[in-house]
Amino acid sequence: VNNNNQSAKTNTATATNDADPLADIKSRLRSGDTAGI
């Protein structure tokens, strides 16, 4: 189950990154977690 969940998360992250490769950076700008970006 955990592997399936991890796989689903990975697939979701991949899909998100495919849609917007800067999604992680933008998320960190929203949260304020900006060290080293």
PDB file of all heavy atoms in Angstrom:
ATOM      1  N   VAL A   1       0.835  -1.201   0.000  1.00  0.00           N
ATOM      2  CA  VAL A   1       0.000   0.000   0.000  1.00  0.00           C
ATOM      3  C   VAL A   1       0.866   1.246   0.000  1.00  0.00           C
ATOM      4  O   VAL A   1       0.626   2.204  -0.736  1.00  0.00           O
ATOM      5  CB  VAL A   1      -0.937  -0.007   1.229  1.00  0.00           C
ATOM      6  CG1 VAL A   1      -1.653   1.322   1.351  1.00  0.00           C
ATOM      7  CG2 VAL A   1      -1.935  -1.134   1.105  1.00  0.00           C
ATOM      8  N   ASN A   2       1.925   1.226   0.869  1.00  0.00           N
ATOM      9  CA  ASN A   2       2.808   2.377   0.931  1.00  0.00           C
ATOM     10  C   ASN A   2       3.501   2.618  -0.393  1.00  0.00           C
ATOM     11  O   ASN A   2       3.662   3.761  -0.832  1.00  0.00           O
ATOM     12  CB  ASN A   2       3.856   2.192   2.036  1.00  0.00           C
ATOM     13  CG  ASN A   2       3.245   2.305   3.414  1.00  0.00           C
ATOM     14  OD1 ASN A   2       2.176   2.887   3.575  1.00  0.00           O
ATOM     15  ND2 ASN A   2       3.912   1.752   4.420  1.00  0.00           N
ATOM     16  N   ASN A   3       3.938   1.516  -1.020  1.00  0.00           N
ATOM     17  CA  ASN A   3       4.582   1.653  -2.324  1.00  0.00           C
ATOM     18  C   ASN A   3       3.624   2.229  -3.350  1.00  0.00           C
ATOM     19  O   ASN A   3       3.992   3.067  -4.183  1.00  0.00           O
ATOM     20  CB  ASN A   3       5.112   0.299  -2.811  1.00  0.00           C
ATOM     21  CG  ASN A   3       6.341  -0.132  -2.034  1.00  0.00           C
ATOM     22  OD1 ASN A   3       7.033   0.702  -1.461  1.00  0.00           O
ATOM     23  ND2 ASN A   3       6.611  -1.424  -2.009  1.00  0.00           N
ATOM     24  N   ASN A   4       2.350   1.768  -3.273  1.00  0.00           N
ATOM     25  CA  ASN A   4       1.350   2.296  -4.198  1.00  0.00           C
ATOM     26  C   ASN A   4       1.109   3.779  -3.967  1.00  0.00           C
ATOM     27  O   ASN A   4       0.981   4.564  -4.901  1.00  0.00           O
ATOM     28  CB  ASN A   4       0.033   1.524  -4.061  1.00  0.00           C
ATOM     29  CG  ASN A   4       0.148   0.107  -4.608  1.00  0.00           C
ATOM     30  OD1 ASN A   4       1.017  -0.160  -5.435  1.00  0.00           O
ATOM     31  ND2 ASN A   4      -0.715  -0.787  -4.145  1.00  0.00           N
ATOM     32  N   ASN A   5       1.043   4.146  -2.647  1.00  0.00           N
ATOM     33  CA  ASN A   5       0.832   5.556  -2.318  1.00  0.00           C
ATOM     34  C   ASN A   5       1.998   6.403  -2.788  1.00  0.00           C
ATOM     35  O   ASN A   5       1.829   7.496  -3.317  1.00  0.00           O
ATOM     36  CB  ASN A   5       0.642   5.735  -0.804  1.00  0.00           C
ATOM     37  CG  ASN A   5      -0.689   5.185  -0.334  1.00  0.00           C
ATOM     38  OD1 ASN A   5      -1.616   5.029  -1.120  1.00  0.00           O
ATOM     39  ND2 ASN A   5      -0.794   4.889   0.949  1.00  0.00           N
ATOM     40  N   GLN A   6       3.232   5.870  -2.543  1.00  0.00           N
ATOM     41  CA  GLN A   6       4.416   6.600  -2.960  1.00  0.00           C
ATOM     42  C   GLN A   6       4.445   6.762  -4.467  1.00  0.00           C
ATOM     43  O   GLN A   6       4.814   7.793  -5.013  1.00  0.00           O
ATOM     44  CB  GLN A   6       5.678   5.852  -2.469  1.00  0.00           C
ATOM     45  CG  GLN A   6       6.977   6.612  -2.727  1.00  0.00           C
ATOM     46  CD  GLN A   6       7.011   7.904  -1.951  1.00  0.00           C
ATOM     47  OE1 GLN A   6       6.546   7.982  -0.822  1.00  0.00           O
ATOM     48  NE2 GLN A   6       7.536   8.946  -2.566  1.00  0.00           N
ATOM     49  N   SER A   7       4.033   5.687  -5.124  1.00  0.00           N
ATOM     50  CA  SER A   7       4.000   5.718  -6.586  1.00  0.00           C
ATOM     51  C   SER A   7       3.019   6.763  -7.081  1.00  0.00           C
ATOM     52  O   SER A   7       3.284   7.505  -8.025  1.00  0.00           O
ATOM     53  CB  SER A   7       3.568   4.349  -7.076  1.00  0.00           C
ATOM     54  OG  SER A   7       4.135   4.039  -8.270  1.00  0.00           O
ATOM     55  N   ALA A   8       1.861   6.818  -6.382  1.00  0.00           N
ATOM     56  CA  ALA A   8       0.841   7.793  -6.770  1.00  0.00           C
ATOM     57  C   ALA A   8       1.353   9.212  -6.556  1.00  0.00           C
ATOM     58  O   ALA A   8       1.147  10.098  -7.382  1.00  0.00           O
ATOM     59  CB  ALA A   8      -0.439   7.565  -5.963  1.00  0.00           C
ATOM     60  N   LYS A   9       2.047   9.415  -5.396  1.00  0.00           N
ATOM     61  CA  LYS A   9       2.585  10.738  -5.123  1.00  0.00           C
ATOM     62  C   LYS A   9       3.621  11.124  -6.167  1.00  0.00           C
ATOM     63  O   LYS A   9       3.680  12.259  -6.628  1.00  0.00           O
ATOM     64  CB  LYS A   9       3.224  10.774  -3.720  1.00  0.00           C
ATOM     65  CG  LYS A   9       2.213  10.713  -2.589  1.00  0.00           C
ATOM     66  CD  LYS A   9       2.916  10.716  -1.254  1.00  0.00           C
ATOM     67  CE  LYS A   9       1.920  10.612  -0.097  1.00  0.00           C
ATOM     68  NZ  LYS A   9       2.594  10.556   1.206  1.00  0.00           N
ATOM     69  N   THR A  10       4.481  10.165  -6.501  1.00  0.00           N
ATOM     70  CA  THR A  10       5.509  10.435  -7.502  1.00  0.00           C
ATOM     71  C   THR A  10       4.884  10.793  -8.831  1.00  0.00           C
ATOM     72  O   THR A  10       5.297  11.729  -9.521  1.00  0.00           O
ATOM     73  CB  THR A  10       6.423   9.210  -7.667  1.00  0.00           C
ATOM     74  OG1 THR A  10       7.008   8.907  -6.408  1.00  0.00           O
ATOM     75  CG2 THR A  10       7.518   9.469  -8.691  1.00  0.00           C
ATOM     76  N   ASN A  11       3.835  10.026  -9.201  1.00  0.00           N
ATOM     77  CA  ASN A  11       3.162  10.293 -10.469  1.00  0.00           C
ATOM     78  C   ASN A  11       2.509  11.665 -10.465  1.00  0.00           C
ATOM     79  O   ASN A  11       2.527  12.392 -11.453  1.00  0.00           O
ATOM     80  CB  ASN A  11       2.111   9.217 -10.760  1.00  0.00           C
ATOM     81  CG  ASN A  11       2.759   7.871 -11.065  1.00  0.00           C
ATOM     82  OD1 ASN A  11       3.913   7.824 -11.479  1.00  0.00           O
ATOM     83  ND2 ASN A  11       2.023   6.793 -10.856  1.00  0.00           N
ATOM     84  N   THR A  12       1.899  12.029  -9.284  1.00  0.00           N
ATOM     85  CA  THR A  12       1.266  13.341  -9.176  1.00  0.00           C
ATOM     86  C   THR A  12       2.294  14.448  -9.295  1.00  0.00           C
ATOM     87  O   THR A  12       2.089  15.445  -9.981  1.00  0.00           O
ATOM     88  CB  THR A  12       0.531  13.464  -7.824  1.00  0.00           C
ATOM     89  OG1 THR A  12      -0.437  12.424  -7.741  1.00  0.00           O
ATOM     90  CG2 THR A  12      -0.143  14.819  -7.688  1.00  0.00           C
ATOM     91  N   ALA A  13       3.450  14.240  -8.573  1.00  0.00           N
ATOM     92  CA  ALA A  13       4.506  15.252  -8.631  1.00  0.00           C
ATOM     93  C   ALA A  13       5.054  15.388 -10.036  1.00  0.00           C
ATOM     94  O   ALA A  13       5.313  16.487 -10.526  1.00  0.00           O
ATOM     95  CB  ALA A  13       5.632  14.889  -7.657  1.00  0.00           C
ATOM     96  N   THR A  14       5.205  14.243 -10.703  1.00  0.00           N
ATOM     97  CA  THR A  14       5.710  14.270 -12.077  1.00  0.00           C
ATOM     98  C   THR A  14       4.750  15.008 -12.990  1.00  0.00           C
ATOM     99  O   THR A  14       5.150  15.827 -13.819  1.00  0.00           O
ATOM    100  CB  THR A  14       5.925  12.840 -12.592  1.00  0.00           C
ATOM    101  OG1 THR A  14       6.839  12.175 -11.730  1.00  0.00           O
ATOM    102  CG2 THR A  14       6.463  12.849 -14.007  1.00  0.00           C
ATOM    103  N   ALA A  15       3.448  14.715 -12.809  1.00  0.00           N
ATOM    104  CA  ALA A  15       2.443  15.387 -13.633  1.00  0.00           C
ATOM    105  C   ALA A  15       2.462  16.889 -13.374  1.00  0.00           C
ATOM    106  O   ALA A  15       2.359  17.698 -14.300  1.00  0.00           O
ATOM    107  CB  ALA A  15       1.059  14.815 -13.346  1.00  0.00           C
ATOM    108  N   THR A  16       2.605  17.273 -12.081  1.00  0.00           N
ATOM    109  CA  THR A  16       2.645  18.695 -11.733  1.00  0.00           C
ATOM    110  C   THR A  16       3.857  19.363 -12.352  1.00  0.00           C
ATOM    111  O   THR A  16       3.772  20.465 -12.899  1.00  0.00           O
ATOM    112  CB  THR A  16       2.676  18.867 -10.197  1.00  0.00           C
ATOM    113  OG1 THR A  16       1.513  18.257  -9.649  1.00  0.00           O
ATOM    114  CG2 THR A  16       2.708  20.339  -9.817  1.00  0.00           C
ATOM    115  N   ASN A  17       5.011  18.677 -12.239  1.00  0.00           N
ATOM    116  CA  ASN A  17       6.226  19.245 -12.783  1.00  0.00           C
ATOM    117  C   ASN A  17       6.167  19.337 -14.309  1.00  0.00           C
ATOM    118  O   ASN A  17       6.733  20.243 -14.908  1.00  0.00           O
ATOM    119  CB  ASN A  17       7.441  18.423 -12.344  1.00  0.00           C
ATOM    120  CG  ASN A  17       7.741  18.615 -10.867  1.00  0.00           C
ATOM    121  OD1 ASN A  17       7.375  19.632 -10.302  1.00  0.00           O
ATOM    122  ND2 ASN A  17       8.383  17.649 -10.248  1.00  0.00           N
ATOM    123  N   ASP A  18       5.506  18.336 -14.923  1.00  0.00           N
ATOM    124  CA  ASP A  18       5.341  18.399 -16.367  1.00  0.00           C
ATOM    125  C   ASP A  18       4.491  19.602 -16.752  1.00  0.00           C
ATOM    126  O   ASP A  18       4.745  20.274 -17.752  1.00  0.00           O
ATOM    127  CB  ASP A  18       4.689  17.107 -16.893  1.00  0.00           C
ATOM    128  CG  ASP A  18       5.659  15.937 -16.848  1.00  0.00           C
ATOM    129  OD1 ASP A  18       6.881  16.192 -16.734  1.00  0.00           O
ATOM    130  OD2 ASP A  18       5.202  14.779 -16.907  1.00  0.00           O
ATOM    131  N   ALA A  19       3.453  19.879 -15.940  1.00  0.00           N
ATOM    132  CA  ALA A  19       2.578  21.010 -16.224  1.00  0.00           C
ATOM    133  C   ALA A  19       3.299  22.330 -15.968  1.00  0.00           C
ATOM    134  O   ALA A  19       3.154  23.283 -16.716  1.00  0.00           O
ATOM    135  CB  ALA A  19       1.313  20.916 -15.381  1.00  0.00           C
ATOM    136  N   ASP A  20       4.075  22.401 -14.910  1.00  0.00           N
ATOM    137  CA  ASP A  20       4.825  23.607 -14.566  1.00  0.00           C
ATOM    138  C   ASP A  20       6.123  23.195 -13.888  1.00  0.00           C
ATOM    139  O   ASP A  20       6.133  22.857 -12.708  1.00  0.00           O
ATOM    140  CB  ASP A  20       3.996  24.496 -13.643  1.00  0.00           C
ATOM    141  CG  ASP A  20       4.694  25.826 -13.348  1.00  0.00           C
ATOM    142  OD1 ASP A  20       5.826  26.014 -13.831  1.00  0.00           O
ATOM    143  OD2 ASP A  20       4.111  26.663 -12.646  1.00  0.00           O
ATOM    144  N   PRO A  21       7.240  23.209 -14.591  1.00  0.00           N
ATOM    145  CA  PRO A  21       8.513  22.787 -13.994  1.00  0.00           C
ATOM    146  C   PRO A  21       8.975  23.685 -12.856  1.00  0.00           C
ATOM    147  O   PRO A  21       9.871  23.316 -12.099  1.00  0.00           O
ATOM    148  CB  PRO A  21       9.497  22.857 -15.184  1.00  0.00           C
ATOM    149  CG  PRO A  21       8.860  23.789 -16.165  1.00  0.00           C
ATOM    150  CD  PRO A  21       7.383  23.595 -16.000  1.00  0.00           C
ATOM    151  N   LEU A  22       8.350  24.854 -12.712  1.00  0.00           N
ATOM    152  CA  LEU A  22       8.711  25.777 -11.631  1.00  0.00           C
ATOM    153  C   LEU A  22       7.740  25.688 -10.458  1.00  0.00           C
ATOM    154  O   LEU A  22       7.770  26.532  -9.567  1.00  0.00           O
ATOM    155  CB  LEU A  22       8.739  27.209 -12.168  1.00  0.00           C
ATOM    156  CG  LEU A  22       9.725  27.476 -13.317  1.00  0.00           C
ATOM    157  CD1 LEU A  22       9.562  28.903 -13.828  1.00  0.00           C
ATOM    158  CD2 LEU A  22      11.157  27.233 -12.867  1.00  0.00           C
ATOM    159  N   ALA A  23       6.901  24.648 -10.443  1.00  0.00           N
ATOM    160  CA  ALA A  23       5.869  24.533  -9.401  1.00  0.00           C
ATOM    161  C   ALA A  23       6.479  24.477  -8.007  1.00  0.00           C
ATOM    162  O   ALA A  23       5.949  25.074  -7.061  1.00  0.00           O
ATOM    163  CB  ALA A  23       5.012  23.296  -9.656  1.00  0.00           C
ATOM    164  N   ASP A  24       7.584  23.757  -7.842  1.00  0.00           N
ATOM    165  CA  ASP A  24       8.196  23.642  -6.518  1.00  0.00           C
ATOM    166  C   ASP A  24       8.732  24.988  -6.041  1.00  0.00           C
ATOM    167  O   ASP A  24       8.537  25.372  -4.879  1.00  0.00           O
ATOM    168  CB  ASP A  24       9.326  22.606  -6.550  1.00  0.00           C
ATOM    169  CG  ASP A  24       9.997  22.446  -5.196  1.00  0.00           C
ATOM    170  OD1 ASP A  24       9.295  22.049  -4.247  1.00  0.00           O
ATOM    171  OD2 ASP A  24      11.203  22.727  -5.072  1.00  0.00           O
ATOM    172  N   ILE A  25       9.382  25.716  -6.925  1.00  0.00           N
ATOM    173  CA  ILE A  25       9.898  27.039  -6.560  1.00  0.00           C
ATOM    174  C   ILE A  25       8.750  27.966  -6.184  1.00  0.00           C
ATOM    175  O   ILE A  25       8.815  28.695  -5.180  1.00  0.00           O
ATOM    176  CB  ILE A  25      10.713  27.631  -7.727  1.00  0.00           C
ATOM    177  CG1 ILE A  25      12.021  26.850  -7.904  1.00  0.00           C
ATOM    178  CG2 ILE A  25      11.010  29.114  -7.493  1.00  0.00           C
ATOM    179  CD1 ILE A  25      12.864  27.307  -9.074  1.00  0.00           C
ATOM    180  N   LYS A  26       7.681  27.939  -6.948  1.00  0.00           N
ATOM    181  CA  LYS A  26       6.541  28.808  -6.668  1.00  0.00           C
ATOM    182  C   LYS A  26       5.886  28.455  -5.335  1.00  0.00           C
ATOM    183  O   LYS A  26       5.454  29.338  -4.586  1.00  0.00           O
ATOM    184  CB  LYS A  26       5.536  28.720  -7.812  1.00  0.00           C
ATOM    185  CG  LYS A  26       6.050  29.307  -9.120  1.00  0.00           C
ATOM    186  CD  LYS A  26       5.038  29.161 -10.250  1.00  0.00           C
ATOM    187  CE  LYS A  26       5.571  29.773 -11.545  1.00  0.00           C
ATOM    188  NZ  LYS A  26       4.621  29.637 -12.665  1.00  0.00           N
ATOM    189  N   SER A  27       5.818  27.153  -5.056  1.00  0.00           N
ATOM    190  CA  SER A  27       5.258  26.724  -3.776  1.00  0.00           C
ATOM    191  C   SER A  27       6.095  27.248  -2.612  1.00  0.00           C
ATOM    192  O   SER A  27       5.556  27.684  -1.586  1.00  0.00           O
ATOM    193  CB  SER A  27       5.181  25.199  -3.735  1.00  0.00           C
ATOM    194  OG  SER A  27       4.757  24.740  -2.473  1.00  0.00           O
ATOM    195  N   ARG A  28       7.408  27.228  -2.766  1.00  0.00           N
ATOM    196  CA  ARG A  28       8.282  27.722  -1.701  1.00  0.00           C
ATOM    197  C   ARG A  28       8.193  29.239  -1.561  1.00  0.00           C
ATOM    198  O   ARG A  28       8.321  29.770  -0.455  1.00  0.00           O
ATOM    199  CB  ARG A  28       9.714  27.269  -1.969  1.00  0.00           C
ATOM    200  CG  ARG A  28       9.885  25.753  -1.871  1.00  0.00           C
ATOM    201  CD  ARG A  28      11.281  25.299  -2.213  1.00  0.00           C
ATOM    202  NE  ARG A  28      12.249  25.805  -1.266  1.00  0.00           N
ATOM    203  CZ  ARG A  28      13.561  25.628  -1.370  1.00  0.00           C
ATOM    204  NH1 ARG A  28      14.049  24.947  -2.398  1.00  0.00           N
ATOM    205  NH2 ARG A  28      14.387  26.101  -0.458  1.00  0.00           N
ATOM    206  N   LEU A  29       7.955  29.927  -2.638  1.00  0.00           N
ATOM    207  CA  LEU A  29       7.750  31.373  -2.550  1.00  0.00           C
ATOM    208  C   LEU A  29       6.473  31.693  -1.784  1.00  0.00           C
ATOM    209  O   LEU A  29       6.399  32.696  -1.065  1.00  0.00           O
ATOM    210  CB  LEU A  29       7.683  31.980  -3.949  1.00  0.00           C
ATOM    211  CG  LEU A  29       9.012  32.093  -4.706  1.00  0.00           C
ATOM    212  CD1 LEU A  29       8.766  32.420  -6.174  1.00  0.00           C
ATOM    213  CD2 LEU A  29       9.915  33.145  -4.073  1.00  0.00           C
ATOM    214  N   ARG A  30       5.484  30.845  -1.923  1.00  0.00           N
ATOM    215  CA  ARG A  30       4.229  31.058  -1.196  1.00  0.00           C
ATOM    216  C   ARG A  30       4.387  30.752   0.294  1.00  0.00           C
ATOM    217  O   ARG A  30       3.793  31.418   1.135  1.00  0.00           O
ATOM    218  CB  ARG A  30       3.121  30.201  -1.806  1.00  0.00           C
ATOM    219  CG  ARG A  30       2.738  30.619  -3.217  1.00  0.00           C
ATOM    220  CD  ARG A  30       1.592  29.786  -3.780  1.00  0.00           C
ATOM    221  NE  ARG A  30       1.242  30.233  -5.132  1.00  0.00           N
ATOM    222  CZ  ARG A  30       1.655  29.645  -6.233  1.00  0.00           C
ATOM    223  NH1 ARG A  30       2.389  28.544  -6.159  1.00  0.00           N
ATOM    224  NH2 ARG A  30       1.325  30.118  -7.416  1.00  0.00           N
ATOM    225  N   SER A  31       5.164  29.716   0.604  1.00  0.00           N
ATOM    226  CA  SER A  31       5.314  29.304   2.003  1.00  0.00           C
ATOM    227  C   SER A  31       6.373  30.109   2.743  1.00  0.00           C
ATOM    228  O   SER A  31       6.413  30.108   3.971  1.00  0.00           O
ATOM    229  CB  SER A  31       5.672  27.814   2.070  1.00  0.00           C
ATOM    230  OG  SER A  31       6.978  27.586   1.553  1.00  0.00           O
ATOM    231  N   GLY A  32       7.259  30.768   1.999  1.00  0.00           N
ATOM    232  CA  GLY A  32       8.354  31.499   2.635  1.00  0.00           C
ATOM    233  C   GLY A  32       9.593  30.653   2.847  1.00  0.00           C
ATOM    234  O   GLY A  32      10.589  31.141   3.387  1.00  0.00           O
ATOM    235  N   ASP A  33       9.558  29.385   2.419  1.00  0.00           N
ATOM    236  CA  ASP A  33      10.719  28.495   2.535  1.00  0.00           C
ATOM    237  C   ASP A  33      11.611  28.708   1.314  1.00  0.00           C
ATOM    238  O   ASP A  33      11.584  27.934   0.360  1.00  0.00           O
ATOM    239  CB  ASP A  33      10.239  27.038   2.615  1.00  0.00           C
ATOM    240  CG  ASP A  33      11.393  26.040   2.620  1.00  0.00           C
ATOM    241  OD1 ASP A  33      12.508  26.429   3.013  1.00  0.00           O
ATOM    242  OD2 ASP A  33      11.173  24.873   2.236  1.00  0.00           O
ATOM    243  N   THR A  34      12.412  29.770   1.349  1.00  0.00           N
ATOM    244  CA  THR A  34      13.107  30.201   0.139  1.00  0.00           C
ATOM    245  C   THR A  34      14.617  30.011   0.183  1.00  0.00           C
ATOM    246  O   THR A  34      15.322  30.500  -0.703  1.00  0.00           O
ATOM    247  CB  THR A  34      12.810  31.685  -0.123  1.00  0.00           C
ATOM    248  OG1 THR A  34      13.221  32.459   1.020  1.00  0.00           O
ATOM    249  CG2 THR A  34      11.324  31.911  -0.377  1.00  0.00           C
ATOM    250  N   ALA A  35      15.131  29.296   1.167  1.00  0.00           N
ATOM    251  CA  ALA A  35      16.582  29.148   1.291  1.00  0.00           C
ATOM    252  C   ALA A  35      17.161  28.460   0.059  1.00  0.00           C
ATOM    253  O   ALA A  35      16.787  27.352  -0.287  1.00  0.00           O
ATOM    254  CB  ALA A  35      16.924  28.337   2.546  1.00  0.00           C
ATOM    255  N   GLY A  36      18.069  29.161  -0.604  1.00  0.00           N
ATOM    256  CA  GLY A  36      18.822  28.570  -1.702  1.00  0.00           C
ATOM    257  C   GLY A  36      18.100  28.439  -3.025  1.00  0.00           C
ATOM    258  O   GLY A  36      18.585  27.752  -3.926  1.00  0.00           O
ATOM    259  N   ILE A  37      16.932  29.091  -3.210  1.00  0.00           N
ATOM    260  CA  ILE A  37      16.193  28.834  -4.458  1.00  0.00           C
ATOM    261  C   ILE A  37      16.645  29.721  -5.627  1.00  0.00           C
ATOM    262  O   ILE A  37      16.324  29.438  -6.768  1.00  0.00           O
ATOM    263  CB  ILE A  37      14.675  28.981  -4.264  1.00  0.00           C
ATOM    264  CG1 ILE A  37      14.283  30.414  -3.905  1.00  0.00           C
ATOM    265  CG2 ILE A  37      14.163  28.023  -3.219  1.00  0.00           C
ATOM    266  CD1 ILE A  37      12.778  30.616  -3.859  1.00  0.00           C
TER     267      ILE A  37
END
